[in-house]
N, C-alpha and C. Protein backbone atom coordinates (compact mmCIF):
# COMPACT_ATOMS: atom_id res chain seq x y z
N MET A 1 39.17 116.64 108.86
CA MET A 1 37.94 116.99 108.21
C MET A 1 38.14 116.95 106.92
N PRO A 2 37.62 115.80 106.04
CA PRO A 2 38.44 115.94 104.89
C PRO A 2 37.39 117.05 103.88
N HIS A 3 36.22 117.15 104.23
CA HIS A 3 35.46 117.92 103.12
C HIS A 3 35.20 119.35 103.62
N LEU A 4 35.87 119.72 104.67
CA LEU A 4 35.88 121.03 105.52
C LEU A 4 36.40 122.10 104.58
N SER A 5 35.54 123.41 103.90
CA SER A 5 36.16 124.48 103.19
C SER A 5 36.92 125.32 104.18
N LEU A 6 38.09 125.33 104.42
CA LEU A 6 38.66 126.41 105.35
C LEU A 6 38.72 127.75 105.15
N GLU A 7 38.51 128.11 103.54
CA GLU A 7 38.57 129.30 103.24
C GLU A 7 37.34 130.17 103.88
N ARG A 8 36.40 129.58 104.20
CA ARG A 8 35.12 130.02 104.76
C ARG A 8 35.14 130.55 106.18
N PHE A 9 36.23 129.95 106.67
CA PHE A 9 36.08 130.01 108.43
C PHE A 9 37.26 131.21 108.56
N ARG A 10 36.65 132.30 109.34
CA ARG A 10 37.67 133.43 109.84
C ARG A 10 37.66 133.32 111.53
N CYS A 11 38.85 133.92 111.87
CA CYS A 11 38.63 134.05 113.52
C CYS A 11 37.55 135.01 113.92
N PRO A 12 36.46 134.64 114.77
CA PRO A 12 35.60 135.42 115.18
C PRO A 12 36.02 136.89 115.99
N GLN A 13 37.54 136.75 116.42
CA GLN A 13 37.92 138.05 117.18
C GLN A 13 38.92 138.74 116.41
N ASN A 14 39.27 138.43 115.35
CA ASN A 14 40.18 139.37 114.56
C ASN A 14 39.99 139.28 112.99
N GLY A 15 39.19 138.07 112.47
CA GLY A 15 39.20 138.02 110.98
C GLY A 15 40.11 137.46 110.24
N SER A 16 41.22 136.77 110.91
CA SER A 16 42.12 136.22 110.49
C SER A 16 41.85 134.87 109.97
N PRO A 17 42.64 134.40 109.09
CA PRO A 17 42.33 132.88 108.47
C PRO A 17 42.57 131.83 109.39
N LEU A 18 41.62 130.77 109.43
CA LEU A 18 41.57 129.59 110.38
C LEU A 18 42.54 128.42 109.40
N SER A 19 43.25 127.47 109.97
CA SER A 19 43.64 126.37 109.45
C SER A 19 43.24 125.31 110.03
N LEU A 20 43.36 124.26 109.62
CA LEU A 20 43.17 122.78 110.51
C LEU A 20 44.65 122.60 111.46
N ALA A 21 44.41 122.36 112.69
CA ALA A 21 45.63 122.13 113.45
C ALA A 21 46.30 120.66 113.34
N ASP A 22 47.51 120.28 113.05
CA ASP A 22 48.21 119.39 113.21
C ASP A 22 48.17 118.29 114.25
N ASP A 23 48.97 117.05 113.83
CA ASP A 23 48.88 116.36 114.95
C ASP A 23 49.89 116.54 116.11
N SER A 24 50.70 117.32 115.79
CA SER A 24 51.69 117.82 116.75
C SER A 24 51.23 119.08 117.77
N VAL A 25 50.26 119.72 117.50
CA VAL A 25 49.76 121.01 118.03
C VAL A 25 48.68 120.06 119.01
N LEU A 26 47.87 119.30 118.16
CA LEU A 26 46.80 118.56 119.02
C LEU A 26 47.40 117.46 120.37
N ALA A 27 48.56 116.93 119.91
CA ALA A 27 49.20 116.38 120.85
C ALA A 27 49.60 117.31 122.22
N SER A 28 50.23 118.47 121.81
CA SER A 28 50.61 119.08 123.11
C SER A 28 49.43 119.55 123.79
N VAL A 29 48.39 119.85 122.96
CA VAL A 29 47.22 120.44 123.77
C VAL A 29 46.81 119.22 124.75
N ASN A 30 46.38 118.11 124.06
CA ASN A 30 45.95 116.94 124.79
C ASN A 30 46.73 116.68 125.89
N GLN A 31 48.35 116.94 125.66
CA GLN A 31 49.20 116.40 126.83
C GLN A 31 49.02 117.71 128.34
N ALA A 32 48.68 118.85 127.75
CA ALA A 32 48.71 119.77 128.92
C ALA A 32 47.38 119.78 129.32
N ILE A 33 46.04 119.38 128.42
CA ILE A 33 44.58 118.80 129.25
C ILE A 33 44.97 117.95 130.45
N GLU A 34 45.84 117.12 129.99
CA GLU A 34 46.02 115.66 130.64
C GLU A 34 46.59 116.06 131.89
N ALA A 35 47.23 116.92 131.89
CA ALA A 35 48.11 117.56 133.08
C ALA A 35 47.27 118.55 133.95
N GLY A 36 46.22 118.70 133.65
CA GLY A 36 45.19 119.99 134.32
C GLY A 36 45.80 121.12 134.12
N ASN A 37 46.37 121.39 133.04
CA ASN A 37 47.03 122.94 132.82
C ASN A 37 46.51 123.83 131.79
N LEU A 38 45.20 123.51 131.03
CA LEU A 38 44.70 124.09 129.98
C LEU A 38 43.30 124.62 130.22
N GLN A 39 43.10 125.99 129.91
CA GLN A 39 41.75 126.27 130.09
C GLN A 39 41.38 127.02 128.94
N ASN A 40 40.27 127.01 128.84
CA ASN A 40 39.50 128.03 127.46
C ASN A 40 39.51 129.38 127.69
N GLY A 41 38.79 130.33 126.58
CA GLY A 41 38.98 131.26 127.00
C GLY A 41 37.94 132.04 127.98
N ALA A 42 36.99 131.01 127.98
CA ALA A 42 36.03 131.65 129.29
C ALA A 42 36.60 131.17 130.80
N GLY A 43 37.86 130.50 131.10
CA GLY A 43 38.30 130.47 132.23
C GLY A 43 38.05 128.97 132.68
N GLN A 44 37.39 128.28 132.03
CA GLN A 44 37.03 126.98 132.22
C GLN A 44 38.17 125.87 132.19
N LEU A 45 38.82 125.15 133.20
CA LEU A 45 39.62 124.27 133.00
C LEU A 45 38.91 123.07 131.85
N LEU A 46 39.82 122.70 130.89
CA LEU A 46 39.38 121.70 130.14
C LEU A 46 39.95 120.22 130.57
N THR A 47 39.16 119.14 130.42
CA THR A 47 39.29 117.99 130.85
C THR A 47 38.96 116.96 129.94
N THR A 48 38.43 117.18 128.66
CA THR A 48 38.09 116.07 127.44
C THR A 48 39.03 116.53 126.63
N PRO A 49 40.14 115.58 126.14
CA PRO A 49 40.57 115.63 124.92
C PRO A 49 40.35 116.25 123.59
N ILE A 50 41.08 117.17 122.78
CA ILE A 50 40.74 117.59 121.40
C ILE A 50 40.99 116.74 120.64
N SER A 51 40.13 116.42 119.61
CA SER A 51 40.52 115.40 118.42
C SER A 51 40.84 116.14 117.20
N ALA A 52 40.35 117.50 116.92
CA ALA A 52 40.61 118.25 115.96
C ALA A 52 40.44 119.82 116.73
N GLY A 53 40.94 120.76 115.67
CA GLY A 53 40.50 122.05 116.00
C GLY A 53 41.22 122.96 114.81
N LEU A 54 40.80 124.06 114.82
CA LEU A 54 41.29 125.23 113.88
C LEU A 54 42.35 126.13 114.40
N LEU A 55 43.20 126.42 113.88
CA LEU A 55 44.39 127.31 114.80
C LEU A 55 44.04 128.78 113.55
N ARG A 56 44.09 129.82 114.74
CA ARG A 56 43.97 131.13 114.24
C ARG A 56 45.59 131.52 113.33
N GLY A 57 45.51 132.46 112.32
CA GLY A 57 46.64 132.61 111.61
C GLY A 57 47.81 132.76 112.34
N GLN A 58 47.74 133.52 113.45
CA GLN A 58 49.05 133.66 114.21
C GLN A 58 49.56 132.54 115.23
N ALA A 59 48.72 131.40 114.94
CA ALA A 59 48.88 130.21 115.51
C ALA A 59 49.00 130.21 117.31
N ASP A 60 48.36 131.26 117.82
CA ASP A 60 48.02 131.40 118.99
C ASP A 60 46.60 131.15 119.72
N LEU A 61 45.73 130.82 119.03
CA LEU A 61 44.57 130.37 119.45
C LEU A 61 43.99 129.10 118.52
N LEU A 62 43.53 128.02 119.49
CA LEU A 62 42.88 126.95 118.81
C LEU A 62 41.29 126.87 119.45
N TYR A 63 40.67 126.89 117.98
CA TYR A 63 39.35 126.53 118.10
C TYR A 63 38.87 125.11 117.78
N PRO A 64 38.54 124.51 119.09
CA PRO A 64 37.93 123.09 118.86
C PRO A 64 36.97 123.04 117.90
N ILE A 65 37.15 121.66 117.34
CA ILE A 65 36.17 121.08 116.51
C ILE A 65 35.27 119.66 117.22
N VAL A 66 34.16 120.04 117.39
CA VAL A 66 33.74 119.17 118.34
C VAL A 66 32.36 118.38 117.68
N ASP A 67 32.54 117.14 117.34
CA ASP A 67 31.22 116.12 116.75
C ASP A 67 31.45 116.95 115.45
N LYS A 68 32.74 117.20 114.60
CA LYS A 68 32.98 117.59 113.37
C LYS A 68 32.19 119.11 112.93
N ILE A 69 32.14 119.87 114.23
CA ILE A 69 31.63 120.94 113.89
C ILE A 69 32.55 122.10 114.54
N PRO A 70 33.12 123.03 113.88
CA PRO A 70 33.91 123.98 114.57
C PRO A 70 33.12 124.84 115.29
N VAL A 71 33.84 125.24 116.48
CA VAL A 71 33.37 125.85 117.62
C VAL A 71 33.86 127.14 117.58
N LEU A 72 33.32 128.08 116.97
CA LEU A 72 34.07 129.33 116.61
C LEU A 72 33.50 130.45 117.63
N LEU A 73 33.68 130.11 118.99
CA LEU A 73 33.31 131.01 120.07
C LEU A 73 34.48 131.68 120.84
N ALA A 74 34.62 132.92 121.04
CA ALA A 74 35.87 133.21 121.72
C ALA A 74 35.71 132.80 123.16
N GLY A 75 34.85 132.35 124.09
CA GLY A 75 34.91 131.46 125.20
C GLY A 75 35.55 130.45 124.98
N GLU A 76 35.40 129.58 123.70
CA GLU A 76 35.67 128.06 123.66
C GLU A 76 36.91 128.16 123.25
N ALA A 77 37.55 129.09 122.68
CA ALA A 77 38.82 129.27 121.87
C ALA A 77 40.04 128.73 123.06
N ILE A 78 41.26 128.42 122.90
CA ILE A 78 42.32 127.91 123.64
C ILE A 78 43.74 128.74 123.54
N SER A 79 43.89 129.39 124.35
CA SER A 79 45.26 130.13 123.93
C SER A 79 46.30 129.17 123.96
N LEU A 80 47.06 129.18 123.03
CA LEU A 80 48.19 128.22 123.06
C LEU A 80 49.50 128.93 123.67
N ASP A 81 49.27 130.10 124.02
CA ASP A 81 50.41 130.44 124.97
C ASP A 81 50.53 129.85 126.45
N GLN A 82 49.52 129.12 126.69
CA GLN A 82 49.31 128.37 128.17
C GLN A 82 50.32 126.92 127.63
N LEU A 83 50.58 126.88 126.76
CA LEU A 83 51.19 125.55 126.22
C LEU A 83 52.81 125.66 126.70
N SER A 84 53.45 126.84 126.49
CA SER A 84 54.71 127.51 126.86
C SER A 84 55.02 127.39 128.51
N HIS A 85 53.75 127.72 129.38
CA HIS A 85 53.74 128.04 130.54
C HIS A 85 53.44 126.70 131.36
N SER A 86 53.05 125.62 130.61
CA SER A 86 52.57 124.41 131.17
C SER A 86 53.76 123.32 131.24
N LYS A 87 54.90 123.76 130.65
CA LYS A 87 55.97 122.90 130.49
C LYS A 87 56.78 122.87 131.94
């Protein structure tokens, strides 16, 4: 997302800054999705790969970007703590 001004985006849960997720984070997330081991904050099992996302400052939550639109909803956030449990 080359023209995204990240300074304006904040985590809706705690107000911390968000940054664009790098390829290694997205690869780990997509690997867990493919294995059927990843849920969003609403408890829904994820089945569609993530092409982009915003990381919360602590790098513990990923907010997906869908069709170039950041989805900043708590229920859509992906806890990255799940990645350590899915290995």
